Amino acid sequence: MAAGLEKACHRCLSHMAGNVCFIFGLLAFLALPLTMAFVGVKTIDDCPIQPMIPLYLLVGGVVGSLKVTLLLYDTTRMRSLLSKSVVIGDDDDDEYPWRQNAHKYHVHVVLSTFLFIWFILGNYWVFSVYVPNFIPPFHRPQDYCRKSLYIFSVFVLALAHSALVLLLSCTACLYVCSRTSTREDYGQD
């Protein structure tokens, strides 16, 4: 059973890595963390009421760019390995080409964990000052946040929340499908 699941994962990953649209999608997705880093740098002093908001964008953008770049590298590496060839037989004990080295796996886990914790902190920092003053008050000039910075931060968090809900929904659907399917559904004995 585990070998069948591994083969199914191999086919799925091979199909994704072989799809040029997936690579272009990753390249397009790289625009978001790069934009986050750019906005964070440009507005580093424009939110005195919560100075962590521009820092959240800057650090999240840099680490997110690194994560997407590593995913692009892994995908192009997988494409080159697949183009060289892999026909996997049932009794083939060789490593599948999509398996990563342990250190690369740990790098992805560390980056993903950091980004998730940073996302939680970003939610706290952005929503702790929900709808701040966008124009500096005369009596307290430090109690404001630049409107474009704040709106962009809320947009980034809303996009991340949407992606998280989509990911969790797909995972739940896959789990339910894997629990309800049988070997007869796939024509296997």
C-alpha atoms as a PDB file:
ATOM      1  CA  MET A   1       0.000   0.000   0.000  1.00  0.00           C
ATOM      2  CA  ALA A   2       2.791   2.462   0.902  1.00  0.00           C
ATOM      3  CA  ALA A   3       4.562   1.732  -2.391  1.00  0.00           C
ATOM      4  CA  GLY A   4       1.346   2.518  -4.277  1.00  0.00           C
ATOM      5  CA  LEU A   5       0.965   5.794  -2.416  1.00  0.00           C
ATOM      6  CA  GLU A   6       4.581   6.685  -3.130  1.00  0.00           C
ATOM      7  CA  LYS A   7       4.084   5.944  -6.835  1.00  0.00           C
ATOM      8  CA  ALA A   8       0.939   8.076  -6.889  1.00  0.00           C
ATOM      9  CA  CYS A   9       2.834  10.933  -5.244  1.00  0.00           C
ATOM     10  CA  HIS A  10       5.659  10.462  -7.753  1.00  0.00           C
ATOM     11  CA  ARG A  11       3.232  10.697 -10.674  1.00  0.00           C
ATOM     12  CA  CYS A  12       1.572  13.765  -9.206  1.00  0.00           C
ATOM     13  CA  LEU A  13       4.865  15.569  -8.522  1.00  0.00           C
ATOM     14  CA  SER A  14       6.219  14.571 -11.924  1.00  0.00           C
ATOM     15  CA  HIS A  15       3.149  15.995 -13.602  1.00  0.00           C
ATOM     16  CA  MET A  16       3.390  19.251 -11.624  1.00  0.00           C
ATOM     17  CA  ALA A  17       7.119  19.661 -12.263  1.00  0.00           C
ATOM     18  CA  GLY A  18       6.615  18.899 -15.935  1.00  0.00           C
ATOM     19  CA  ASN A  19       3.966  21.589 -16.245  1.00  0.00           C
ATOM     20  CA  VAL A  20       5.422  24.860 -17.498  1.00  0.00           C
ATOM     21  CA  CYS A  21       2.389  26.721 -16.157  1.00  0.00           C
ATOM     22  CA  PHE A  22       3.360  25.639 -12.636  1.00  0.00           C
ATOM     23  CA  ILE A  23       6.798  27.211 -13.046  1.00  0.00           C
ATOM     24  CA  PHE A  24       5.312  30.416 -14.435  1.00  0.00           C
ATOM     25  CA  GLY A  25       2.865  30.384 -11.533  1.00  0.00           C
ATOM     26  CA  LEU A  26       5.756  30.198  -9.078  1.00  0.00           C
ATOM     27  CA  LEU A  27       7.497  33.044 -10.900  1.00  0.00           C
ATOM     28  CA  ALA A  28       4.319  35.122 -10.716  1.00  0.00           C
ATOM     29  CA  PHE A  29       3.913  34.214  -7.050  1.00  0.00           C
ATOM     30  CA  LEU A  30       7.466  35.471  -6.439  1.00  0.00           C
ATOM     31  CA  ALA A  31       6.153  38.970  -7.164  1.00  0.00           C
ATOM     32  CA  LEU A  32       4.190  39.084  -3.888  1.00  0.00           C
ATOM     33  CA  PRO A  33       7.083  38.540  -1.444  1.00  0.00           C
ATOM     34  CA  LEU A  34       9.321  40.825  -3.493  1.00  0.00           C
ATOM     35  CA  THR A  35       6.637  43.518  -3.344  1.00  0.00           C
ATOM     36  CA  MET A  36       6.264  42.939   0.397  1.00  0.00           C
ATOM     37  CA  ALA A  37      10.010  43.452   0.901  1.00  0.00           C
ATOM     38  CA  PHE A  38      10.002  46.575  -1.287  1.00  0.00           C
ATOM     39  CA  VAL A  39       7.038  48.134   0.545  1.00  0.00           C
ATOM     40  CA  GLY A  40       8.604  47.238   3.906  1.00  0.00           C
ATOM     41  CA  VAL A  41      11.876  48.962   3.014  1.00  0.00           C
ATOM     42  CA  LYS A  42      10.210  52.047   1.528  1.00  0.00           C
ATOM     43  CA  THR A  43       7.861  52.568   4.479  1.00  0.00           C
ATOM     44  CA  ILE A  44      10.057  51.477   7.378  1.00  0.00           C
ATOM     45  CA  ASP A  45       9.361  54.718   9.317  1.00  0.00           C
ATOM     46  CA  ASP A  46       5.786  55.350   8.141  1.00  0.00           C
ATOM     47  CA  CYS A  47       3.866  53.576  10.899  1.00  0.00           C
ATOM     48  CA  PRO A  48       4.961  54.885  14.294  1.00  0.00           C
ATOM     49  CA  ILE A  49       1.847  53.530  16.019  1.00  0.00           C
ATOM     50  CA  GLN A  50       3.015  49.969  15.200  1.00  0.00           C
ATOM     51  CA  PRO A  51       6.582  49.984  13.823  1.00  0.00           C
ATOM     52  CA  MET A  52       6.527  46.183  13.445  1.00  0.00           C
ATOM     53  CA  ILE A  53       4.166  46.342  10.435  1.00  0.00           C
ATOM     54  CA  PRO A  54       6.817  47.493   7.919  1.00  0.00           C
ATOM     55  CA  LEU A  55       9.293  45.084   9.528  1.00  0.00           C
ATOM     56  CA  TYR A  56       6.730  42.282   9.140  1.00  0.00           C
ATOM     57  CA  LEU A  57       6.478  43.056   5.417  1.00  0.00           C
ATOM     58  CA  LEU A  58      10.233  43.356   4.965  1.00  0.00           C
ATOM     59  CA  VAL A  59      11.256  40.147   6.756  1.00  0.00           C
ATOM     60  CA  GLY A  60       8.264  38.170   5.453  1.00  0.00           C
ATOM     61  CA  GLY A  61       9.054  39.334   1.931  1.00  0.00           C
ATOM     62  CA  VAL A  62      12.729  38.396   2.098  1.00  0.00           C
ATOM     63  CA  VAL A  63      12.129  34.966   3.664  1.00  0.00           C
ATOM     64  CA  GLY A  64       9.144  34.323   1.376  1.00  0.00           C
ATOM     65  CA  SER A  65      11.271  35.189  -1.662  1.00  0.00           C
ATOM     66  CA  LEU A  66      13.927  32.767  -0.472  1.00  0.00           C
ATOM     67  CA  LYS A  67      11.310  30.017  -0.022  1.00  0.00           C
ATOM     68  CA  VAL A  68       9.792  30.547  -3.485  1.00  0.00           C
ATOM     69  CA  THR A  69      13.259  30.692  -5.053  1.00  0.00           C
ATOM     70  CA  LEU A  70      14.140  27.348  -3.457  1.00  0.00           C
ATOM     71  CA  LEU A  71      10.861  25.888  -4.736  1.00  0.00           C
ATOM     72  CA  LEU A  72      11.691  27.147  -8.238  1.00  0.00           C
ATOM     73  CA  TYR A  73      15.148  25.595  -8.026  1.00  0.00           C
ATOM     74  CA  ASP A  74      13.717  22.269  -6.843  1.00  0.00           C
ATOM     75  CA  THR A  75      11.103  22.293  -9.604  1.00  0.00           C
ATOM     76  CA  THR A  76      13.603  23.003 -12.371  1.00  0.00           C
ATOM     77  CA  ARG A  77      15.925  20.346 -10.936  1.00  0.00           C
ATOM     78  CA  MET A  78      13.044  17.871 -10.928  1.00  0.00           C
ATOM     79  CA  ARG A  79      12.224  18.759 -14.545  1.00  0.00           C
ATOM     80  CA  SER A  80      15.790  18.046 -15.617  1.00  0.00           C
ATOM     81  CA  LEU A  81      15.826  14.725 -13.747  1.00  0.00           C
ATOM     82  CA  LEU A  82      12.508  13.743 -15.286  1.00  0.00           C
ATOM     83  CA  SER A  83      13.658  14.674 -18.760  1.00  0.00           C
ATOM     84  CA  LYS A  84      16.630  12.326 -18.373  1.00  0.00           C
ATOM     85  CA  SER A  85      14.295   9.753 -17.522  1.00  0.00           C
ATOM     86  CA  VAL A  86      12.678   7.738 -15.177  1.00  0.00           C
ATOM     87  CA  VAL A  87      10.641   4.697 -15.709  1.00  0.00           C
ATOM     88  CA  ILE A  88       9.828   3.205 -12.382  1.00  0.00           C
ATOM     89  CA  GLY A  89       8.989  -0.455 -12.156  1.00  0.00           C
ATOM     90  CA  ASP A  90       7.137  -2.080  -9.313  1.00  0.00           C
ATOM     91  CA  ASP A  91      10.262  -3.713  -7.968  1.00  0.00           C
ATOM     92  CA  ASP A  92      12.578  -0.734  -8.511  1.00  0.00           C
ATOM     93  CA  ASP A  93      14.383   0.112  -5.287  1.00  0.00           C
ATOM     94  CA  ASP A  94      16.203   3.157  -6.658  1.00  0.00           C
ATOM     95  CA  GLU A  95      15.565   6.555  -5.195  1.00  0.00           C
ATOM     96  CA  TYR A  96      12.814   8.456  -6.967  1.00  0.00           C
ATOM     97  CA  PRO A  97      14.194  11.627  -8.506  1.00  0.00           C
ATOM     98  CA  TRP A  98      11.814  13.909  -6.641  1.00  0.00           C
ATOM     99  CA  ARG A  99      13.095  12.893  -3.234  1.00  0.00           C
ATOM    100  CA  GLN A 100      15.139  15.619  -1.655  1.00  0.00           C
ATOM    101  CA  ASN A 101      18.234  15.430   0.442  1.00  0.00           C
ATOM    102  CA  ALA A 102      17.536  15.526   4.164  1.00  0.00           C
ATOM    103  CA  HIS A 103      19.201  18.919   4.627  1.00  0.00           C
ATOM    104  CA  LYS A 104      17.122  20.500   1.865  1.00  0.00           C
ATOM    105  CA  TYR A 105      13.973  19.068   3.441  1.00  0.00           C
ATOM    106  CA  HIS A 106      14.965  20.577   6.801  1.00  0.00           C
ATOM    107  CA  VAL A 107      15.609  23.959   5.182  1.00  0.00           C
ATOM    108  CA  HIS A 108      12.082  23.915   3.712  1.00  0.00           C
ATOM    109  CA  VAL A 109      10.593  22.897   7.070  1.00  0.00           C
ATOM    110  CA  VAL A 110      12.479  25.634   8.934  1.00  0.00           C
ATOM    111  CA  LEU A 111      11.505  28.305   6.379  1.00  0.00           C
ATOM    112  CA  SER A 112       7.861  27.194   6.375  1.00  0.00           C
ATOM    113  CA  THR A 113       7.714  27.127  10.175  1.00  0.00           C
ATOM    114  CA  PHE A 114       9.302  30.568  10.391  1.00  0.00           C
ATOM    115  CA  LEU A 115       6.881  31.975   7.812  1.00  0.00           C
ATOM    116  CA  PHE A 116       3.898  30.500   9.666  1.00  0.00           C
ATOM    117  CA  ILE A 117       5.010  31.987  13.012  1.00  0.00           C
ATOM    118  CA  TRP A 118       5.783  35.305  11.273  1.00  0.00           C
ATOM    119  CA  PHE A 119       2.284  35.210   9.732  1.00  0.00           C
ATOM    120  CA  ILE A 120       0.730  34.802  13.207  1.00  0.00           C
ATOM    121  CA  LEU A 121       2.827  37.682  14.552  1.00  0.00           C
ATOM    122  CA  GLY A 122       1.868  39.803  11.526  1.00  0.00           C
ATOM    123  CA  ASN A 123      -1.798  39.207  12.292  1.00  0.00           C
ATOM    124  CA  TYR A 124      -1.235  40.425  15.839  1.00  0.00           C
ATOM    125  CA  TRP A 125       0.748  43.501  14.797  1.00  0.00           C
ATOM    126  CA  VAL A 126      -1.608  44.575  12.016  1.00  0.00           C
ATOM    127  CA  PHE A 127      -4.905  43.915  13.768  1.00  0.00           C
ATOM    128  CA  SER A 128      -3.785  45.225  17.174  1.00  0.00           C
ATOM    129  CA  VAL A 129      -4.083  48.719  15.686  1.00  0.00           C
ATOM    130  CA  TYR A 130      -7.076  47.960  13.477  1.00  0.00           C
ATOM    131  CA  VAL A 131      -7.974  51.067  11.511  1.00  0.00           C
ATOM    132  CA  PRO A 132      -5.364  53.452  12.839  1.00  0.00           C
ATOM    133  CA  ASN A 133      -5.309  57.157  12.085  1.00  0.00           C
ATOM    134  CA  PHE A 134      -3.996  57.625   8.574  1.00  0.00           C
ATOM    135  CA  ILE A 135      -3.230  61.307   9.121  1.00  0.00           C
ATOM    136  CA  PRO A 136      -0.962  62.245  12.033  1.00  0.00           C
ATOM    137  CA  PRO A 137      -3.041  63.878  14.786  1.00  0.00           C
ATOM    138  CA  PHE A 138      -1.843  67.303  15.821  1.00  0.00           C
ATOM    139  CA  HIS A 139      -1.649  66.482  19.537  1.00  0.00           C
ATOM    140  CA  ARG A 140       0.021  63.041  19.038  1.00  0.00           C
ATOM    141  CA  PRO A 141       1.939  62.943  15.757  1.00  0.00           C
ATOM    142  CA  GLN A 142       3.259  59.427  16.442  1.00  0.00           C
ATOM    143  CA  ASP A 143      -0.241  57.843  16.517  1.00  0.00           C
ATOM    144  CA  TYR A 144      -0.725  57.152  12.820  1.00  0.00           C
ATOM    145  CA  CYS A 145       0.120  54.681  10.098  1.00  0.00           C
ATOM    146  CA  ARG A 146       0.478  55.399   6.407  1.00  0.00           C
ATOM    147  CA  LYS A 147      -2.753  54.338   4.701  1.00  0.00           C
ATOM    148  CA  SER A 148      -1.167  52.549   1.721  1.00  0.00           C
ATOM    149  CA  LEU A 149       1.139  50.572   4.043  1.00  0.00           C
ATOM    150  CA  TYR A 150      -1.687  49.505   6.323  1.00  0.00           C
ATOM    151  CA  ILE A 151      -4.075  48.592   3.493  1.00  0.00           C
ATOM    152  CA  PHE A 152      -1.325  46.583   1.765  1.00  0.00           C
ATOM    153  CA  SER A 153      -0.601  44.729   5.028  1.00  0.00           C
ATOM    154  CA  VAL A 154      -4.266  43.845   5.454  1.00  0.00           C
ATOM    155  CA  PHE A 155      -4.407  42.713   1.803  1.00  0.00           C
ATOM    156  CA  VAL A 156      -1.359  40.455   2.270  1.00  0.00           C
ATOM    157  CA  LEU A 157      -2.878  38.920   5.395  1.00  0.00           C
ATOM    158  CA  ALA A 158      -6.259  38.411   3.698  1.00  0.00           C
ATOM    159  CA  LEU A 159      -4.517  36.704   0.781  1.00  0.00           C
ATOM    160  CA  ALA A 160      -2.581  34.476   3.186  1.00  0.00           C
ATOM    161  CA  HIS A 161      -5.768  33.597   5.073  1.00  0.00           C
ATOM    162  CA  SER A 162      -7.467  32.681   1.788  1.00  0.00           C
ATOM    163  CA  ALA A 163      -4.546  30.481   0.729  1.00  0.00           C
ATOM    164  CA  LEU A 164      -4.535  28.788   4.141  1.00  0.00           C
ATOM    165  CA  VAL A 165      -8.272  28.054   3.955  1.00  0.00           C
ATOM    166  CA  LEU A 166      -7.852  26.695   0.414  1.00  0.00           C
ATOM    167  CA  LEU A 167      -4.930  24.495   1.497  1.00  0.00           C
ATOM    168  CA  LEU A 168      -6.823  23.146   4.493  1.00  0.00           C
ATOM    169  CA  SER A 169      -9.922  22.491   2.367  1.00  0.00           C
ATOM    170  CA  CYS A 170      -7.912  20.598  -0.254  1.00  0.00           C
ATOM    171  CA  THR A 171      -6.160  18.592   2.452  1.00  0.00           C
ATOM    172  CA  ALA A 172      -9.485  17.683   4.044  1.00  0.00           C
ATOM    173  CA  CYS A 173     -10.894  16.647   0.651  1.00  0.00           C
ATOM    174  CA  LEU A 174      -7.858  14.480  -0.091  1.00  0.00           C
ATOM    175  CA  TYR A 175      -8.116  12.889   3.331  1.00  0.00           C
ATOM    176  CA  VAL A 176     -11.805  12.094   2.882  1.00  0.00           C
ATOM    177  CA  CYS A 177     -11.204  10.738  -0.631  1.00  0.00           C
ATOM    178  CA  SER A 178      -8.320   8.557   0.536  1.00  0.00           C
ATOM    179  CA  ARG A 179     -10.429   7.150   3.373  1.00  0.00           C
ATOM    180  CA  THR A 180     -13.460   6.404   1.211  1.00  0.00           C
ATOM    181  CA  SER A 181     -11.709   4.993  -1.856  1.00  0.00           C
ATOM    182  CA  THR A 182     -10.885   1.336  -2.279  1.00  0.00           C
ATOM    183  CA  ARG A 183      -8.456  -0.589  -4.436  1.00  0.00           C
ATOM    184  CA  GLU A 184     -11.310  -1.469  -6.797  1.00  0.00           C
ATOM    185  CA  ASP A 185     -11.749   2.239  -7.555  1.00  0.00           C
ATOM    186  CA  TYR A 186      -8.308   2.205  -9.186  1.00  0.00           C
ATOM    187  CA  GLY A 187      -8.591  -1.155 -10.931  1.00  0.00           C
ATOM    188  CA  GLN A 188      -5.932  -2.775  -8.761  1.00  0.00           C
ATOM    189  CA  ASP A 189      -6.064  -6.210  -7.241  1.00  0.00           C
END
